């Protein structure tokens, strides 16, 4: 059984439709930066602002950790590299920034954000086999069962990866309950380059919102999508790999 996954990367991108009377301007991003330094929002503030010609960034850099809020013409993206918090901390940051955007739109000369229509979330984590020596033996030896057929290469591999793609579906379980998965999810397992003993895991989830579209002042659906991707990686994906991190005797039972 693998160790509990340690999250090293969060990202979620929100897209909105093209609206004739709305566009992300440098002034809007500057106002958001200032709003996040007010007392009601300072918990979610960013230290730096970059009003570039291609896109605009708000960011904070502390040693290896990096926190970014980036804007394009019809999208915004939240990125956390090597965070010192869990998924709850990531969601709190999203919630706070969206609340600040809503506060700006409520100003007398504010421009209202359009609702979001799609969301793409990526979560990456590390986990270490407890029975097998390293991730190569787990992924190439057990999951893919490829190590015994490696001779044509003429040399042993140092890196191996596996990818799965899951479409939206509804599954009926034995008890009769139905579970629906509304997103397209791509899962990757790879040898971690910085430490081959660990498995690098990623879930890349894409959702098209239906029904009432989420707005900047209503983050419930946005948070649900992030939590769903996080659970799929840290629970379902770990359960899958746990089946292979067993002794030789258990493997052949």
Protein backbone atom coordinates (compact mmCIF):
# COMPACT_ATOMS: atom_id res chain seq x y z
CA UNK A 1 0.00 0.00 0.00
CA UNK A 2 1.42 3.38 -1.05
CA UNK A 3 2.01 6.27 1.31
CA UNK A 4 -0.63 8.97 1.53
CA UNK A 5 -0.29 11.25 -1.53
CA UNK A 6 1.39 14.61 -0.95
CA UNK A 7 0.01 17.31 -3.25
CA UNK A 8 2.66 19.38 -5.05
CA UNK A 9 0.55 21.23 -7.62
CA UNK A 10 -2.95 22.71 -7.96
CA UNK A 11 -4.35 24.44 -11.01
CA UNK A 12 -7.83 25.36 -12.14
CA UNK A 13 -8.81 27.36 -15.20
CA UNK A 14 -12.18 29.08 -15.64
CA UNK A 15 -13.44 30.15 -19.07
CA UNK A 16 -16.29 32.49 -19.89
CA UNK A 17 -18.00 33.19 -23.25
CA UNK A 18 -17.03 36.19 -25.34
CA UNK A 19 -19.21 39.10 -24.31
CA UNK A 20 -19.19 42.30 -26.44
CA UNK A 21 -19.19 44.71 -23.49
CA UNK A 22 -16.68 42.84 -21.31
CA UNK A 23 -12.95 42.30 -21.50
CA UNK A 24 -10.13 41.90 -19.01
CA UNK A 25 -8.17 45.14 -18.90
CA UNK A 26 -5.00 46.10 -17.11
CA UNK A 27 -7.07 48.46 -15.01
CA UNK A 28 -9.34 45.62 -13.88
CA UNK A 29 -6.35 43.48 -12.84
CA UNK A 30 -4.77 46.46 -11.08
CA UNK A 31 -8.01 47.07 -9.18
CA UNK A 32 -8.14 43.41 -8.16
CA UNK A 33 -4.55 43.60 -6.93
CA UNK A 34 -5.43 46.66 -4.82
CA UNK A 35 -8.68 45.13 -3.57
CA UNK A 36 -6.79 42.07 -2.33
CA UNK A 37 -4.64 44.35 -0.18
CA UNK A 38 -7.66 45.77 1.63
CA UNK A 39 -8.38 44.47 5.13
CA UNK A 40 -11.36 42.35 4.06
CA UNK A 41 -9.30 40.43 1.48
CA UNK A 42 -5.65 40.67 2.56
CA UNK A 43 -5.53 36.97 3.48
CA UNK A 44 -5.71 36.24 -0.27
CA UNK A 45 -3.41 38.97 -1.56
CA UNK A 46 -0.56 38.56 -4.04
CA UNK A 47 2.79 40.30 -3.65
CA UNK A 48 3.50 41.04 -7.32
CA UNK A 49 1.61 42.33 -10.34
CA UNK A 50 2.63 41.96 -13.99
CA UNK A 51 0.54 43.81 -16.58
CA UNK A 52 2.05 42.18 -19.66
CA UNK A 53 0.99 42.50 -23.28
CA UNK A 54 -0.15 38.85 -23.62
CA UNK A 55 -1.67 38.21 -20.21
CA UNK A 56 -1.71 39.76 -16.74
CA UNK A 57 -0.41 38.02 -13.62
CA UNK A 58 -0.76 38.40 -9.88
CA UNK A 59 1.83 36.29 -8.09
CA UNK A 60 3.64 35.47 -4.87
CA UNK A 61 6.95 33.58 -4.72
CA UNK A 62 8.33 32.11 -1.49
CA UNK A 63 11.30 29.75 -1.95
CA UNK A 64 9.96 26.83 -4.06
CA UNK A 65 6.32 27.81 -3.59
CA UNK A 66 4.62 29.87 -6.26
CA UNK A 67 1.09 31.26 -6.27
CA UNK A 68 -0.35 32.77 -9.47
CA UNK A 69 -3.62 34.24 -10.66
CA UNK A 70 -3.42 34.81 -14.43
CA UNK A 71 -5.89 36.43 -16.84
CA UNK A 72 -6.37 35.99 -20.58
CA UNK A 73 -9.01 37.52 -22.84
CA UNK A 74 -11.71 35.03 -21.87
CA UNK A 75 -10.21 33.00 -19.04
CA UNK A 76 -8.56 33.14 -15.65
CA UNK A 77 -6.36 30.54 -14.02
CA UNK A 78 -5.24 29.79 -10.46
CA UNK A 79 -1.88 28.02 -9.98
CA UNK A 80 -0.21 26.80 -6.79
CA UNK A 81 3.21 25.12 -7.07
CA UNK A 82 4.57 23.32 -4.02
CA UNK A 83 1.80 24.66 -1.77
CA UNK A 84 2.05 24.51 2.00
CA UNK A 85 -1.69 23.80 2.30
CA UNK A 86 -4.24 21.17 1.31
CA UNK A 87 -7.10 21.36 -1.19
CA UNK A 88 -9.09 23.35 1.38
CA UNK A 89 -6.46 26.09 1.28
CA UNK A 90 -6.56 26.15 -2.53
CA UNK A 91 -10.34 26.48 -2.51
CA UNK A 92 -10.16 29.23 0.08
CA UNK A 93 -7.81 31.18 -2.21
CA UNK A 94 -10.14 30.76 -5.21
CA UNK A 95 -13.14 31.77 -3.13
CA UNK A 96 -11.41 34.87 -1.79
CA UNK A 97 -10.21 36.11 -5.20
CA UNK A 98 -13.62 35.56 -6.81
CA UNK A 99 -15.25 37.41 -3.92
CA UNK A 100 -12.86 40.32 -4.51
CA UNK A 101 -13.73 40.31 -8.25
CA UNK A 102 -17.41 40.45 -7.34
CA UNK A 103 -16.75 43.38 -5.01
CA UNK A 104 -15.04 45.23 -7.87
CA UNK A 105 -17.98 44.57 -10.19
CA UNK A 106 -20.32 46.00 -7.57
CA UNK A 107 -18.47 49.34 -7.59
CA UNK A 108 -20.24 52.25 -9.25
CA UNK A 109 -18.13 52.05 -12.42
CA UNK A 110 -17.54 48.31 -12.23
CA UNK A 111 -18.05 45.91 -15.13
CA UNK A 112 -19.79 42.66 -14.31
CA UNK A 113 -17.97 39.42 -15.02
CA UNK A 114 -19.82 37.00 -17.32
CA UNK A 115 -20.64 33.53 -15.90
CA UNK A 116 -18.16 30.71 -16.32
CA UNK A 117 -18.90 28.00 -18.89
CA UNK A 118 -16.00 25.52 -18.53
CA UNK A 119 -13.45 24.53 -15.92
CA UNK A 120 -10.25 22.53 -16.19
CA UNK A 121 -8.46 21.37 -13.05
CA UNK A 122 -5.06 19.70 -12.70
CA UNK A 123 -3.83 18.19 -9.45
CA UNK A 124 -0.41 16.55 -9.01
CA UNK A 125 0.84 14.54 -6.05
CA UNK A 126 3.65 12.25 -4.95
CA UNK A 127 3.31 8.87 -3.30
CA UNK A 128 5.85 6.20 -2.42
CA UNK A 129 5.50 2.40 -2.60
CA UNK A 130 5.91 0.72 0.78
CA UNK A 131 6.47 -2.88 -0.38
CA UNK A 132 8.26 -2.47 -3.72
CA UNK A 133 11.64 -0.73 -3.99
CA UNK A 134 10.66 2.12 -6.29
CA UNK A 135 8.12 3.53 -8.75
CA UNK A 136 9.77 1.84 -11.76
CA UNK A 137 9.16 -1.62 -10.32
CA UNK A 138 5.61 -0.60 -9.46
CA UNK A 139 4.65 0.97 -12.80
CA UNK A 140 6.71 -0.98 -15.35
CA UNK A 141 6.99 -4.22 -13.40
CA UNK A 142 3.55 -4.56 -11.87
CA UNK A 143 1.04 -2.18 -13.51
CA UNK A 144 2.24 -2.67 -17.11
CA UNK A 145 3.95 -6.04 -16.57
CA UNK A 146 6.61 -4.92 -19.05
CA UNK A 147 9.93 -5.48 -17.28
CA UNK A 148 10.24 -9.09 -18.44
CA UNK A 149 9.87 -7.95 -22.06
CA UNK A 150 12.43 -5.13 -21.98
CA UNK A 151 15.29 -7.04 -23.71
CA UNK A 152 14.68 -5.59 -27.22
CA UNK A 153 15.81 -2.21 -25.93
CA UNK A 154 19.20 -3.59 -24.92
CA UNK A 155 19.33 -1.58 -21.72
CA UNK A 156 17.22 -1.07 -18.59
CA UNK A 157 14.85 1.94 -18.36
CA UNK A 158 15.21 4.71 -15.80
CA UNK A 159 11.74 6.19 -16.31
CA UNK A 160 8.27 4.79 -17.04
CA UNK A 161 4.75 6.17 -17.26
CA UNK A 162 1.13 5.08 -17.70
CA UNK A 163 -1.84 7.17 -18.85
CA UNK A 164 -5.58 6.58 -18.65
CA UNK A 165 -8.42 8.65 -20.16
CA UNK A 166 -11.91 8.48 -18.67
CA UNK A 167 -15.03 9.91 -20.39
CA UNK A 168 -18.17 11.08 -18.57
CA UNK A 169 -20.38 8.18 -17.54
CA UNK A 170 -22.95 6.90 -15.06
CA UNK A 171 -22.13 3.72 -13.14
CA UNK A 172 -24.74 1.58 -11.39
CA UNK A 173 -23.32 -0.15 -8.33
CA UNK A 174 -24.42 -3.48 -6.90
CA UNK A 175 -26.58 -1.81 -4.27
CA UNK A 176 -28.54 -0.09 -7.05
CA UNK A 177 -27.13 3.39 -6.45
CA UNK A 178 -25.95 5.34 -9.49
CA UNK A 179 -22.80 7.45 -9.50
CA UNK A 180 -22.32 9.99 -12.29
CA UNK A 181 -19.00 11.35 -13.49
CA UNK A 182 -19.60 14.50 -15.54
CA UNK A 183 -16.01 15.32 -16.44
CA UNK A 184 -13.38 14.11 -18.87
CA UNK A 185 -10.46 12.94 -16.72
CA UNK A 186 -6.92 12.07 -17.79
CA UNK A 187 -4.75 10.30 -15.22
CA UNK A 188 -0.98 9.90 -15.45
CA UNK A 189 1.42 7.88 -13.30
CA UNK A 190 5.14 8.40 -13.86
CA UNK A 191 8.51 7.87 -12.26
CA UNK A 192 9.36 11.08 -10.40
CA UNK A 193 12.56 12.50 -11.89
CA UNK A 194 13.77 14.08 -8.62
CA UNK A 195 13.25 10.89 -6.61
CA UNK A 196 12.71 7.62 -8.56
CA UNK A 197 11.38 5.92 -5.44
CA UNK A 198 8.24 8.07 -5.63
CA UNK A 199 5.34 7.92 -8.05
CA UNK A 200 4.34 11.20 -9.71
CA UNK A 201 0.55 11.26 -10.11
CA UNK A 202 -1.68 13.69 -12.02
CA UNK A 203 -5.40 14.08 -12.62
CA UNK A 204 -6.41 16.49 -15.41
CA UNK A 205 -10.18 17.05 -15.29
CA UNK A 206 -12.33 19.06 -17.74
CA UNK A 207 -15.97 19.99 -17.14
CA UNK A 208 -18.59 21.87 -19.15
CA UNK A 209 -21.02 23.56 -16.77
CA UNK A 210 -24.72 22.86 -17.28
CA UNK A 211 -27.85 24.37 -15.80
CA UNK A 212 -27.30 27.65 -13.98
CA UNK A 213 -23.77 28.78 -14.78
CA UNK A 214 -21.55 29.78 -11.85
CA UNK A 215 -20.75 33.46 -11.43
CA UNK A 216 -17.92 35.12 -9.50
CA UNK A 217 -20.13 35.39 -6.41
CA UNK A 218 -21.15 31.72 -6.51
CA UNK A 219 -18.18 29.35 -6.33
CA UNK A 220 -20.00 26.19 -5.22
CA UNK A 221 -19.84 24.36 -8.58
CA UNK A 222 -16.25 25.51 -9.07
CA UNK A 223 -15.24 24.11 -5.69
CA UNK A 224 -17.07 20.83 -6.35
CA UNK A 225 -15.12 20.31 -9.58
CA UNK A 226 -11.78 20.87 -7.81
CA UNK A 227 -12.70 18.53 -4.97
CA UNK A 228 -13.84 15.87 -7.42
CA UNK A 229 -10.50 15.95 -9.28
CA UNK A 230 -8.59 15.95 -5.99
CA UNK A 231 -10.51 12.95 -4.64
CA UNK A 232 -10.11 11.04 -7.90
CA UNK A 233 -6.34 11.47 -7.65
CA UNK A 234 -5.76 10.97 -3.94
CA UNK A 235 -8.37 8.26 -3.37
CA UNK A 236 -9.32 6.40 -6.57
CA UNK A 237 -5.86 6.54 -8.16
CA UNK A 238 -4.15 5.53 -4.93
CA UNK A 239 -6.56 2.61 -4.52
CA UNK A 240 -5.67 1.49 -8.04
CA UNK A 241 -1.92 1.56 -7.35
CA UNK A 242 -2.33 -0.04 -3.91
CA UNK A 243 -3.38 -3.26 -5.68
CA UNK A 244 0.14 -3.59 -7.10
CA UNK A 245 2.25 -2.52 -4.13
CA UNK A 246 2.11 -5.96 -2.52
CA UNK A 247 4.50 -8.83 -1.85
CA UNK A 248 5.24 -11.45 -4.51
CA UNK A 249 3.12 -13.99 -2.64
CA UNK A 250 0.12 -11.64 -2.53
CA UNK A 251 0.63 -10.72 -6.19
CA UNK A 252 0.27 -14.35 -7.28
CA UNK A 253 -2.71 -15.22 -5.10
